[in-house]
């Protein structure tokens, strides 16, 4: 999607890109490693992209919705409560 939209935004020298991520783009715990890896990647790409296109008047915003209670994997939505050193 970025390949399709960036040429237009560059040409008009303005715009705003919204990137979808999640709370797992900032932290992870057992059982969500693959999901967290993809969200970390989205956040890294977005951070670098924001710095690259800021001089063109284009902004980047990362949206990180929190957890949502659904019947899928019910009871497993609690985030870890202890801090983890990385």
PDB file of N, CA and C in Angstrom:
ATOM      1  N   UNK A   1       0.824  -1.170   0.000  1.00  0.00           N
ATOM      2  CA  UNK A   1       0.000   0.000   0.000  1.00  0.00           C
ATOM      3  C   UNK A   1       0.881   1.251   0.000  1.00  0.00           C
ATOM      4  N   UNK A   2       1.976   1.202   0.752  1.00  0.00           N
ATOM      5  CA  UNK A   2       2.885   2.359   0.781  1.00  0.00           C
ATOM      6  C   UNK A   2       3.468   2.643  -0.598  1.00  0.00           C
ATOM      7  N   UNK A   3       3.805   1.585  -1.347  1.00  0.00           N
ATOM      8  CA  UNK A   3       4.352   1.774  -2.700  1.00  0.00           C
ATOM      9  C   UNK A   3       3.358   2.488  -3.606  1.00  0.00           C
ATOM     10  N   UNK A   4       2.087   2.235  -3.397  1.00  0.00           N
ATOM     11  CA  UNK A   4       1.063   2.861  -4.236  1.00  0.00           C
ATOM     12  C   UNK A   4       0.773   4.301  -3.814  1.00  0.00           C
ATOM     13  N   UNK A   5       0.815   4.569  -2.524  1.00  0.00           N
ATOM     14  CA  UNK A   5       0.400   5.889  -2.044  1.00  0.00           C
ATOM     15  C   UNK A   5       1.532   6.909  -1.906  1.00  0.00           C
ATOM     16  N   UNK A   6       2.735   6.449  -1.596  1.00  0.00           N
ATOM     17  CA  UNK A   6       3.828   7.400  -1.381  1.00  0.00           C
ATOM     18  C   UNK A   6       4.127   8.294  -2.583  1.00  0.00           C
ATOM     19  N   UNK A   7       4.101   7.780  -3.814  1.00  0.00           N
ATOM     20  CA  UNK A   7       4.338   8.701  -4.942  1.00  0.00           C
ATOM     21  C   UNK A   7       3.331   9.854  -5.002  1.00  0.00           C
ATOM     22  N   UNK A   8       2.088   9.573  -4.685  1.00  0.00           N
ATOM     23  CA  UNK A   8       1.052  10.615  -4.698  1.00  0.00           C
ATOM     24  C   UNK A   8       1.312  11.625  -3.582  1.00  0.00           C
ATOM     25  N   UNK A   9       1.598  11.123  -2.382  1.00  0.00           N
ATOM     26  CA  UNK A   9       1.854  12.010  -1.248  1.00  0.00           C
ATOM     27  C   UNK A   9       3.106  12.854  -1.479  1.00  0.00           C
ATOM     28  N   UNK A  10       4.134  12.243  -2.064  1.00  0.00           N
ATOM     29  CA  UNK A  10       5.361  13.004  -2.360  1.00  0.00           C
ATOM     30  C   UNK A  10       5.065  14.110  -3.375  1.00  0.00           C
ATOM     31  N   UNK A  11       4.285  13.792  -4.392  1.00  0.00           N
ATOM     32  CA  UNK A  11       3.969  14.778  -5.427  1.00  0.00           C
ATOM     33  C   UNK A  11       3.194  15.963  -4.862  1.00  0.00           C
ATOM     34  N   UNK A  12       2.275  15.698  -3.944  1.00  0.00           N
ATOM     35  CA  UNK A  12       1.490  16.806  -3.373  1.00  0.00           C
ATOM     36  C   UNK A  12       2.179  17.432  -2.164  1.00  0.00           C
ATOM     37  N   UNK A  13       3.305  16.824  -1.717  1.00  0.00           N
ATOM     38  CA  UNK A  13       4.104  17.324  -0.598  1.00  0.00           C
ATOM     39  C   UNK A  13       3.273  17.525   0.677  1.00  0.00           C
ATOM     40  N   UNK A  14       2.365  16.576   0.894  1.00  0.00           N
ATOM     41  CA  UNK A  14       1.578  16.568   2.126  1.00  0.00           C
ATOM     42  C   UNK A  14       0.835  15.244   2.216  1.00  0.00           C
ATOM     43  N   UNK A  15       0.371  14.956   3.411  1.00  0.00           N
ATOM     44  CA  UNK A  15      -0.415  13.753   3.619  1.00  0.00           C
ATOM     45  C   UNK A  15      -0.195  13.182   4.998  1.00  0.00           C
ATOM     46  N   UNK A  16      -0.903  12.103   5.260  1.00  0.00           N
ATOM     47  CA  UNK A  16      -0.833  11.466   6.574  1.00  0.00           C
ATOM     48  C   UNK A  16      -1.042   9.972   6.375  1.00  0.00           C
ATOM     49  N   UNK A  17      -0.105   9.181   6.861  1.00  0.00           N
ATOM     50  CA  UNK A  17      -0.182   7.731   6.767  1.00  0.00           C
ATOM     51  C   UNK A  17      -0.533   7.186   8.142  1.00  0.00           C
ATOM     52  N   UNK A  18      -1.548   6.318   8.197  1.00  0.00           N
ATOM     53  CA  UNK A  18      -1.938   5.654   9.434  1.00  0.00           C
ATOM     54  C   UNK A  18      -1.523   4.193   9.332  1.00  0.00           C
ATOM     55  N   UNK A  19      -0.729   3.741  10.294  1.00  0.00           N
ATOM     56  CA  UNK A  19      -0.266   2.356  10.325  1.00  0.00           C
ATOM     57  C   UNK A  19      -0.927   1.645  11.498  1.00  0.00           C
ATOM     58  N   UNK A  20      -1.484   0.467  11.255  1.00  0.00           N
ATOM     59  CA  UNK A  20      -2.105  -0.322  12.307  1.00  0.00           C
ATOM     60  C   UNK A  20      -1.095  -1.229  12.992  1.00  0.00           C
ATOM     61  N   UNK A  21      -1.057  -1.194  14.297  1.00  0.00           N
ATOM     62  CA  UNK A  21      -0.179  -2.053  15.077  1.00  0.00           C
ATOM     63  C   UNK A  21      -0.995  -2.581  16.251  1.00  0.00           C
ATOM     64  N   UNK A  22      -0.364  -2.833  17.365  1.00  0.00           N
ATOM     65  CA  UNK A  22      -1.074  -3.246  18.571  1.00  0.00           C
ATOM     66  C   UNK A  22      -0.156  -3.030  19.766  1.00  0.00           C
ATOM     67  N   UNK A  23      -0.664  -3.314  20.935  1.00  0.00           N
ATOM     68  CA  UNK A  23       0.158  -3.187  22.132  1.00  0.00           C
ATOM     69  C   UNK A  23       1.373  -4.098  22.046  1.00  0.00           C
ATOM     70  N   UNK A  24       1.287  -5.153  21.231  1.00  0.00           N
ATOM     71  CA  UNK A  24       2.413  -6.070  21.071  1.00  0.00           C
ATOM     72  C   UNK A  24       3.543  -5.477  20.246  1.00  0.00           C
ATOM     73  N   UNK A  25       3.374  -4.295  19.711  1.00  0.00           N
ATOM     74  CA  UNK A  25       4.469  -3.602  19.054  1.00  0.00           C
ATOM     75  C   UNK A  25       5.428  -2.978  20.055  1.00  0.00           C
ATOM     76  N   UNK A  26       5.053  -2.968  21.321  1.00  0.00           N
ATOM     77  CA  UNK A  26       5.878  -2.398  22.390  1.00  0.00           C
ATOM     78  C   UNK A  26       6.361  -3.435  23.382  1.00  0.00           C
ATOM     79  N   UNK A  27       5.634  -4.516  23.548  1.00  0.00           N
ATOM     80  CA  UNK A  27       6.031  -5.553  24.496  1.00  0.00           C
ATOM     81  C   UNK A  27       5.440  -6.881  24.039  1.00  0.00           C
ATOM     82  N   UNK A  28       6.014  -7.953  24.549  1.00  0.00           N
ATOM     83  CA  UNK A  28       5.532  -9.285  24.189  1.00  0.00           C
ATOM     84  C   UNK A  28       5.605 -10.187  25.412  1.00  0.00           C
ATOM     85  N   UNK A  29       4.885 -11.274  25.338  1.00  0.00           N
ATOM     86  CA  UNK A  29       4.964 -12.284  26.377  1.00  0.00           C
ATOM     87  C   UNK A  29       4.776 -13.653  25.721  1.00  0.00           C
ATOM     88  N   UNK A  30       5.026 -14.726  26.443  1.00  0.00           N
ATOM     89  CA  UNK A  30       4.936 -16.056  25.846  1.00  0.00           C
ATOM     90  C   UNK A  30       3.600 -16.292  25.146  1.00  0.00           C
ATOM     91  N   UNK A  31       3.677 -16.901  23.985  1.00  0.00           N
ATOM     92  CA  UNK A  31       2.472 -17.225  23.237  1.00  0.00           C
ATOM     93  C   UNK A  31       2.129 -16.247  22.135  1.00  0.00           C
ATOM     94  N   UNK A  32       2.776 -15.088  22.120  1.00  0.00           N
ATOM     95  CA  UNK A  32       2.466 -14.094  21.088  1.00  0.00           C
ATOM     96  C   UNK A  32       3.728 -13.629  20.357  1.00  0.00           C
ATOM     97  N   UNK A  33       4.768 -14.456  20.373  1.00  0.00           N
ATOM     98  CA  UNK A  33       6.045 -14.061  19.768  1.00  0.00           C
ATOM     99  C   UNK A  33       5.948 -13.703  18.301  1.00  0.00           C
ATOM    100  N   UNK A  34       5.269 -14.526  17.511  1.00  0.00           N
ATOM    101  CA  UNK A  34       5.159 -14.243  16.076  1.00  0.00           C
ATOM    102  C   UNK A  34       4.346 -12.972  15.833  1.00  0.00           C
ATOM    103  N   UNK A  35       3.246 -12.822  16.540  1.00  0.00           N
ATOM    104  CA  UNK A  35       2.448 -11.602  16.420  1.00  0.00           C
ATOM    105  C   UNK A  35       3.275 -10.385  16.819  1.00  0.00           C
ATOM    106  N   UNK A  36       3.978 -10.474  17.938  1.00  0.00           N
ATOM    107  CA  UNK A  36       4.791  -9.354  18.402  1.00  0.00           C
ATOM    108  C   UNK A  36       5.886  -9.021  17.399  1.00  0.00           C
ATOM    109  N   UNK A  37       6.487 -10.042  16.795  1.00  0.00           N
ATOM    110  CA  UNK A  37       7.545  -9.803  15.806  1.00  0.00           C
ATOM    111  C   UNK A  37       7.018  -8.995  14.624  1.00  0.00           C
ATOM    112  N   UNK A  38       5.833  -9.305  14.156  1.00  0.00           N
ATOM    113  CA  UNK A  38       5.279  -8.556  13.030  1.00  0.00           C
ATOM    114  C   UNK A  38       4.928  -7.127  13.440  1.00  0.00           C
ATOM    115  N   UNK A  39       4.447  -6.957  14.656  1.00  0.00           N
ATOM    116  CA  UNK A  39       4.093  -5.609  15.113  1.00  0.00           C
ATOM    117  C   UNK A  39       5.340  -4.773  15.370  1.00  0.00           C
ATOM    118  N   UNK A  40       6.404  -5.377  15.910  1.00  0.00           N
ATOM    119  CA  UNK A  40       7.669  -4.670  16.068  1.00  0.00           C
ATOM    120  C   UNK A  40       8.166  -4.206  14.701  1.00  0.00           C
ATOM    121  N   UNK A  41       8.015  -5.053  13.689  1.00  0.00           N
ATOM    122  CA  UNK A  41       8.461  -4.700  12.335  1.00  0.00           C
ATOM    123  C   UNK A  41       7.667  -3.513  11.792  1.00  0.00           C
ATOM    124  N   UNK A  42       6.359  -3.522  11.975  1.00  0.00           N
ATOM    125  CA  UNK A  42       5.517  -2.409  11.524  1.00  0.00           C
ATOM    126  C   UNK A  42       5.949  -1.118  12.209  1.00  0.00           C
ATOM    127  N   UNK A  43       6.233  -1.197  13.499  1.00  0.00           N
ATOM    128  CA  UNK A  43       6.620   0.002  14.244  1.00  0.00           C
ATOM    129  C   UNK A  43       7.994   0.515  13.813  1.00  0.00           C
ATOM    130  N   UNK A  44       8.940  -0.388  13.570  1.00  0.00           N
ATOM    131  CA  UNK A  44      10.265   0.026  13.100  1.00  0.00           C
ATOM    132  C   UNK A  44      10.191   0.670  11.730  1.00  0.00           C
ATOM    133  N   UNK A  45       9.440   0.058  10.825  1.00  0.00           N
ATOM    134  CA  UNK A  45       9.246   0.629   9.499  1.00  0.00           C
ATOM    135  C   UNK A  45       8.607   2.006   9.597  1.00  0.00           C
ATOM    136  N   UNK A  46       7.603   2.124  10.432  1.00  0.00           N
ATOM    137  CA  UNK A  46       6.885   3.395  10.572  1.00  0.00           C
ATOM    138  C   UNK A  46       7.768   4.494  11.157  1.00  0.00           C
ATOM    139  N   UNK A  47       8.583   4.143  12.156  1.00  0.00           N
ATOM    140  CA  UNK A  47       9.491   5.130  12.755  1.00  0.00           C
ATOM    141  C   UNK A  47      10.493   5.647  11.727  1.00  0.00           C
ATOM    142  N   UNK A  48      11.100   4.727  10.974  1.00  0.00           N
ATOM    143  CA  UNK A  48      12.072   5.134   9.959  1.00  0.00           C
ATOM    144  C   UNK A  48      11.398   5.937   8.852  1.00  0.00           C
ATOM    145  N   UNK A  49      10.242   5.480   8.409  1.00  0.00           N
ATOM    146  CA  UNK A  49       9.515   6.170   7.353  1.00  0.00           C
ATOM    147  C   UNK A  49       9.142   7.590   7.769  1.00  0.00           C
ATOM    148  N   UNK A  50       8.697   7.752   8.997  1.00  0.00           N
ATOM    149  CA  UNK A  50       8.310   9.076   9.492  1.00  0.00           C
ATOM    150  C   UNK A  50       9.466  10.061   9.386  1.00  0.00           C
ATOM    151  N   UNK A  51      10.668   9.613   9.755  1.00  0.00           N
ATOM    152  CA  UNK A  51      11.836  10.490   9.677  1.00  0.00           C
ATOM    153  C   UNK A  51      12.220  10.798   8.232  1.00  0.00           C
ATOM    154  N   UNK A  52      12.042   9.826   7.351  1.00  0.00           N
ATOM    155  CA  UNK A  52      12.416  10.010   5.949  1.00  0.00           C
ATOM    156  C   UNK A  52      11.485  10.963   5.203  1.00  0.00           C
ATOM    157  N   UNK A  53      10.194  10.917   5.526  1.00  0.00           N
ATOM    158  CA  UNK A  53       9.241  11.708   4.737  1.00  0.00           C
ATOM    159  C   UNK A  53       8.765  12.981   5.433  1.00  0.00           C
ATOM    160  N   UNK A  54       9.194  13.204   6.663  1.00  0.00           N
ATOM    161  CA  UNK A  54       8.815  14.433   7.375  1.00  0.00           C
ATOM    162  C   UNK A  54       9.188  15.698   6.594  1.00  0.00           C
ATOM    163  N   UNK A  55      10.386  15.761   5.963  1.00  0.00           N
ATOM    164  CA  UNK A  55      10.721  16.969   5.201  1.00  0.00           C
ATOM    165  C   UNK A  55       9.768  17.244   4.030  1.00  0.00           C
ATOM    166  N   UNK A  56       9.012  16.232   3.626  1.00  0.00           N
ATOM    167  CA  UNK A  56       8.058  16.408   2.524  1.00  0.00           C
ATOM    168  C   UNK A  56       6.677  16.820   3.017  1.00  0.00           C
ATOM    169  N   UNK A  57       6.530  17.005   4.320  1.00  0.00           N
ATOM    170  CA  UNK A  57       5.233  17.403   4.864  1.00  0.00           C
ATOM    171  C   UNK A  57       4.278  16.242   5.059  1.00  0.00           C
ATOM    172  N   UNK A  58       4.803  15.016   5.059  1.00  0.00           N
ATOM    173  CA  UNK A  58       3.973  13.824   5.234  1.00  0.00           C
ATOM    174  C   UNK A  58       4.182  13.297   6.647  1.00  0.00           C
ATOM    175  N   UNK A  59       3.104  12.994   7.331  1.00  0.00           N
ATOM    176  CA  UNK A  59       3.167  12.509   8.707  1.00  0.00           C
ATOM    177  C   UNK A  59       2.817  11.022   8.757  1.00  0.00           C
ATOM    178  N   UNK A  60       3.303  10.355   9.793  1.00  0.00           N
ATOM    179  CA  UNK A  60       3.005   8.942  10.021  1.00  0.00           C
ATOM    180  C   UNK A  60       2.493   8.795  11.447  1.00  0.00           C
ATOM    181  N   UNK A  61       1.375   8.113  11.602  1.00  0.00           N
ATOM    182  CA  UNK A  61       0.818   7.832  12.916  1.00  0.00           C
ATOM    183  C   UNK A  61       0.628   6.331  13.053  1.00  0.00           C
ATOM    184  N   UNK A  62       1.093   5.791  14.180  1.00  0.00           N
ATOM    185  CA  UNK A  62       0.901   4.379  14.480  1.00  0.00           C
ATOM    186  C   UNK A  62      -0.288   4.260  15.428  1.00  0.00           C
ATOM    187  N   UNK A  63      -1.241   3.429  15.078  1.00  0.00           N
ATOM    188  CA  UNK A  63      -2.417   3.214  15.916  1.00  0.00           C
ATOM    189  C   UNK A  63      -2.230   1.885  16.642  1.00  0.00           C
ATOM    190  N   UNK A  64      -2.278   1.932  17.979  1.00  0.00           N
ATOM    191  CA  UNK A  64      -2.073   0.743  18.800  1.00  0.00           C
ATOM    192  C   UNK A  64      -3.307   0.471  19.656  1.00  0.00           C
ATOM    193  N   UNK A  65      -4.318  -0.161  19.090  1.00  0.00           N
ATOM    194  CA  UNK A  65      -5.476  -0.479  19.927  1.00  0.00           C
ATOM    195  C   UNK A  65      -5.095  -1.499  20.998  1.00  0.00           C
ATOM    196  N   UNK A  66      -5.769  -1.435  22.117  1.00  0.00           N
ATOM    197  CA  UNK A  66      -5.513  -2.387  23.197  1.00  0.00           C
ATOM    198  C   UNK A  66      -6.243  -3.694  22.957  1.00  0.00           C
ATOM    199  N   UNK A  67      -6.165  -4.556  23.938  1.00  0.00           N
ATOM    200  CA  UNK A  67      -6.820  -5.854  23.822  1.00  0.00           C
ATOM    201  C   UNK A  67      -8.330  -5.698  23.877  1.00  0.00           C
ATOM    202  N   UNK A  68      -9.007  -6.585  23.166  1.00  0.00           N
ATOM    203  CA  UNK A  68     -10.458  -6.576  23.116  1.00  0.00           C
ATOM    204  C   UNK A  68     -10.960  -7.941  23.553  1.00  0.00           C
ATOM    205  N   UNK A  69     -11.885  -7.965  24.465  1.00  0.00           N
ATOM    206  CA  UNK A  69     -12.440  -9.231  24.936  1.00  0.00           C
ATOM    207  C   UNK A  69     -13.359  -9.820  23.869  1.00  0.00           C
ATOM    208  N   UNK A  70     -13.035 -11.004  23.420  1.00  0.00           N
ATOM    209  CA  UNK A  70     -13.863 -11.754  22.475  1.00  0.00           C
ATOM    210  C   UNK A  70     -13.925 -13.195  22.968  1.00  0.00           C
ATOM    211  N   UNK A  71     -14.835 -14.003  22.435  1.00  0.00           N
ATOM    212  CA  UNK A  71     -14.894 -15.410  22.844  1.00  0.00           C
ATOM    213  C   UNK A  71     -13.638 -16.202  22.431  1.00  0.00           C
ATOM    214  N   UNK A  72     -12.923 -15.722  21.404  1.00  0.00           N
ATOM    215  CA  UNK A  72     -11.725 -16.414  20.945  1.00  0.00           C
ATOM    216  C   UNK A  72     -10.647 -16.353  22.020  1.00  0.00           C
ATOM    217  N   UNK A  73     -10.151 -17.481  22.433  1.00  0.00           N
ATOM    218  CA  UNK A  73      -9.120 -17.592  23.465  1.00  0.00           C
ATOM    219  C   UNK A  73      -9.539 -16.877  24.763  1.00  0.00           C
ATOM    220  N   UNK A  74     -10.775 -17.020  25.103  1.00  0.00           N
ATOM    221  CA  UNK A  74     -11.307 -16.389  26.325  1.00  0.00           C
ATOM    222  C   UNK A  74     -10.465 -16.779  27.525  1.00  0.00           C
ATOM    223  N   UNK A  75     -10.218 -15.824  28.385  1.00  0.00           N
ATOM    224  CA  UNK A  75      -9.453 -16.064  29.590  1.00  0.00           C
ATOM    225  C   UNK A  75      -7.956 -15.893  29.417  1.00  0.00           C
ATOM    226  N   UNK A  76      -7.494 -15.629  28.209  1.00  0.00           N
ATOM    227  CA  UNK A  76      -6.063 -15.478  27.954  1.00  0.00           C
ATOM    228  C   UNK A  76      -5.705 -14.043  27.589  1.00  0.00           C
ATOM    229  N   UNK A  77      -6.541 -13.083  27.915  1.00  0.00           N
ATOM    230  CA  UNK A  77      -6.307 -11.713  27.516  1.00  0.00           C
ATOM    231  C   UNK A  77      -5.495 -10.919  28.527  1.00  0.00           C
ATOM    232  N   UNK A  78      -5.242 -11.466  29.682  1.00  0.00           N
ATOM    233  CA  UNK A  78      -4.518 -10.700  30.695  1.00  0.00           C
ATOM    234  C   UNK A  78      -3.054 -10.533  30.294  1.00  0.00           C
ATOM    235  N   UNK A  79      -2.585  -9.309  30.328  1.00  0.00           N
ATOM    236  CA  UNK A  79      -1.178  -9.010  30.021  1.00  0.00           C
ATOM    237  C   UNK A  79      -0.329  -9.359  31.230  1.00  0.00           C
ATOM    238  N   UNK A  80       0.931  -9.680  31.025  1.00  0.00           N
ATOM    239  CA  UNK A  80       1.800  -9.976  32.175  1.00  0.00           C
ATOM    240  C   UNK A  80       1.924  -8.752  33.080  1.00  0.00           C
ATOM    241  N   UNK A  81       2.053  -9.008  34.359  1.00  0.00           N
ATOM    242  CA  UNK A  81       2.136  -7.895  35.311  1.00  0.00           C
ATOM    243  C   UNK A  81       3.550  -7.607  35.766  1.00  0.00           C
ATOM    244  N   UNK A  82       4.509  -8.472  35.439  1.00  0.00           N
ATOM    245  CA  UNK A  82       5.877  -8.225  35.880  1.00  0.00           C
ATOM    246  C   UNK A  82       6.708  -7.608  34.756  1.00  0.00           C
ATOM    247  N   UNK A  83       7.659  -6.779  35.126  1.00  0.00           N
ATOM    248  CA  UNK A  83       8.536  -6.153  34.159  1.00  0.00           C
ATOM    249  C   UNK A  83       9.575  -7.160  33.663  1.00  0.00           C
ATOM    250  N   UNK A  84       9.958  -7.011  32.407  1.00  0.00           N
ATOM    251  CA  UNK A  84      10.941  -7.898  31.806  1.00  0.00           C
ATOM    252  C   UNK A  84      12.099  -7.061  31.292  1.00  0.00           C
ATOM    253  N   UNK A  85      13.320  -7.381  31.723  1.00  0.00           N
ATOM    254  CA  UNK A  85      14.504  -6.701  31.220  1.00  0.00           C
ATOM    255  C   UNK A  85      14.861  -7.265  29.869  1.00  0.00           C
ATOM    256  N   UNK A  86      15.174  -6.354  28.910  1.00  0.00           N
ATOM    257  CA  UNK A  86      15.598  -6.803  27.581  1.00  0.00           C
ATOM    258  C   UNK A  86      17.004  -6.398  27.346  1.00  0.00           C
TER     259      UNK A  86
END
